Structure formats: C-alpha cells, structure tokens
C-alpha cells in the first residue's frame, strides 16, 4: 500500500504545486505577506 503525503516524502512536484497555490492565494489577497512568507519557508524547509 502506497501512502502519499506526510513528512519526509515531499517531492519536487509537490513543492512546485504548493508554491503555485500559495502564490495564487497571495496574489488574490487571501493571505497577507507575513502568512505568505511563513508558509513559503515551511514548504521550502521540507
């Protein structure tokens, strides 16, 4: 059984996808700069 997600198996595609969604949300004003930077750092540190 293959499980997707979870800690430690964050692929480059997952990272690109997550950053893309994050950028869209920031561009639409759904999240502020502080939240954007916090989430971005979290994504990049995986």
N, C-alpha and C. Protein backbone atom coordinates (compact mmCIF):
# COMPACT_ATOMS: atom_id res chain seq x y z
N UNK A 1 0.84 -1.19 0.00
CA UNK A 1 0.00 0.00 0.00
C UNK A 1 0.87 1.25 0.00
N UNK A 2 0.63 2.12 -0.92
CA UNK A 2 1.43 3.35 -1.03
C UNK A 2 0.66 4.51 -0.43
N UNK A 3 1.29 5.22 0.50
CA UNK A 3 0.64 6.40 1.06
C UNK A 3 1.31 7.65 0.51
N UNK A 4 0.51 8.65 0.22
CA UNK A 4 1.05 9.89 -0.32
C UNK A 4 0.96 10.98 0.73
N UNK A 5 1.95 11.87 0.74
CA UNK A 5 1.95 12.95 1.71
C UNK A 5 2.69 12.54 2.96
N UNK A 6 2.51 13.31 4.02
CA UNK A 6 3.21 13.02 5.26
C UNK A 6 4.60 13.63 5.25
N UNK A 7 5.25 13.56 6.36
CA UNK A 7 6.58 14.15 6.49
C UNK A 7 7.64 13.32 5.77
N UNK A 8 8.58 14.00 5.17
CA UNK A 8 9.75 13.31 4.64
C UNK A 8 9.67 12.86 3.20
N UNK A 9 8.48 12.82 2.59
CA UNK A 9 8.43 12.40 1.19
C UNK A 9 7.73 13.47 0.35
N UNK A 10 8.19 14.68 0.52
CA UNK A 10 7.67 15.83 -0.20
C UNK A 10 8.46 15.95 -1.49
N UNK A 11 7.83 15.65 -2.64
CA UNK A 11 8.56 15.65 -3.91
C UNK A 11 8.70 17.06 -4.47
N UNK A 12 9.55 17.20 -5.47
CA UNK A 12 9.74 18.49 -6.13
C UNK A 12 8.43 18.96 -6.78
N UNK A 13 7.67 18.03 -7.33
CA UNK A 13 6.38 18.39 -7.92
C UNK A 13 5.40 18.89 -6.86
N UNK A 14 5.39 18.22 -5.70
CA UNK A 14 4.54 18.67 -4.60
C UNK A 14 4.92 20.08 -4.20
N UNK A 15 6.21 20.35 -4.13
CA UNK A 15 6.69 21.66 -3.72
C UNK A 15 6.28 22.73 -4.74
N UNK A 16 6.45 22.43 -6.03
CA UNK A 16 6.04 23.38 -7.07
C UNK A 16 4.55 23.65 -7.01
N UNK A 17 3.77 22.61 -6.81
CA UNK A 17 2.33 22.73 -6.71
C UNK A 17 1.93 23.57 -5.50
N UNK A 18 2.53 23.28 -4.36
CA UNK A 18 2.23 24.02 -3.14
C UNK A 18 2.60 25.49 -3.27
N UNK A 19 3.76 25.76 -3.85
CA UNK A 19 4.19 27.15 -4.05
C UNK A 19 3.28 27.87 -5.04
N UNK A 20 2.83 27.16 -6.06
CA UNK A 20 1.92 27.74 -7.04
C UNK A 20 0.60 28.15 -6.40
N UNK A 21 0.05 27.27 -5.57
CA UNK A 21 -1.20 27.57 -4.86
C UNK A 21 -0.98 28.73 -3.90
N UNK A 22 0.14 28.70 -3.19
CA UNK A 22 0.46 29.77 -2.26
C UNK A 22 0.55 31.12 -2.98
N UNK A 23 1.25 31.14 -4.11
CA UNK A 23 1.38 32.38 -4.88
C UNK A 23 0.03 32.89 -5.36
N UNK A 24 -0.84 31.99 -5.79
CA UNK A 24 -2.18 32.39 -6.24
C UNK A 24 -2.98 32.99 -5.10
N UNK A 25 -2.93 32.35 -3.93
CA UNK A 25 -3.67 32.85 -2.78
C UNK A 25 -3.16 34.23 -2.35
N UNK A 26 -1.86 34.42 -2.40
CA UNK A 26 -1.27 35.71 -2.04
C UNK A 26 -1.66 36.77 -3.06
N UNK A 27 -1.62 36.40 -4.33
CA UNK A 27 -1.98 37.34 -5.40
C UNK A 27 -3.44 37.78 -5.31
N UNK A 28 -4.31 36.87 -4.86
CA UNK A 28 -5.74 37.20 -4.71
C UNK A 28 -6.03 37.93 -3.41
N UNK A 29 -5.02 38.07 -2.56
CA UNK A 29 -5.22 38.77 -1.30
C UNK A 29 -5.85 37.92 -0.21
N UNK A 30 -5.85 36.60 -0.40
CA UNK A 30 -6.45 35.71 0.59
C UNK A 30 -5.57 35.59 1.84
N UNK A 31 -4.28 35.76 1.65
CA UNK A 31 -3.35 35.70 2.77
C UNK A 31 -2.44 36.93 2.72
N UNK A 32 -1.95 37.34 3.86
CA UNK A 32 -1.07 38.50 3.95
C UNK A 32 0.38 38.12 3.75
N UNK A 33 1.24 39.14 3.72
CA UNK A 33 2.66 38.92 3.46
C UNK A 33 3.31 38.04 4.53
N UNK A 34 2.99 38.31 5.80
CA UNK A 34 3.59 37.52 6.88
C UNK A 34 3.23 36.04 6.76
N UNK A 35 1.95 35.78 6.51
CA UNK A 35 1.49 34.39 6.38
C UNK A 35 2.11 33.74 5.15
N UNK A 36 2.17 34.50 4.05
CA UNK A 36 2.78 34.01 2.82
C UNK A 36 4.22 33.57 3.06
N UNK A 37 5.00 34.44 3.69
CA UNK A 37 6.41 34.14 3.93
C UNK A 37 6.58 32.97 4.89
N UNK A 38 5.72 32.91 5.90
CA UNK A 38 5.78 31.82 6.86
C UNK A 38 5.52 30.48 6.20
N UNK A 39 4.47 30.42 5.39
CA UNK A 39 4.11 29.18 4.71
C UNK A 39 5.18 28.80 3.68
N UNK A 40 5.67 29.81 2.95
CA UNK A 40 6.72 29.55 1.96
C UNK A 40 7.95 28.94 2.62
N UNK A 41 8.37 29.49 3.74
CA UNK A 41 9.53 28.95 4.45
C UNK A 41 9.27 27.52 4.90
N UNK A 42 8.05 27.25 5.34
CA UNK A 42 7.70 25.90 5.78
C UNK A 42 7.77 24.91 4.61
N UNK A 43 7.25 25.32 3.46
CA UNK A 43 7.29 24.46 2.27
C UNK A 43 8.74 24.19 1.85
N UNK A 44 9.54 25.24 1.81
CA UNK A 44 10.91 25.11 1.34
C UNK A 44 11.80 24.33 2.30
N UNK A 45 11.41 24.24 3.55
CA UNK A 45 12.23 23.53 4.54
C UNK A 45 11.94 22.04 4.57
N UNK A 46 10.95 21.57 3.79
CA UNK A 46 10.61 20.15 3.78
C UNK A 46 11.56 19.36 2.91
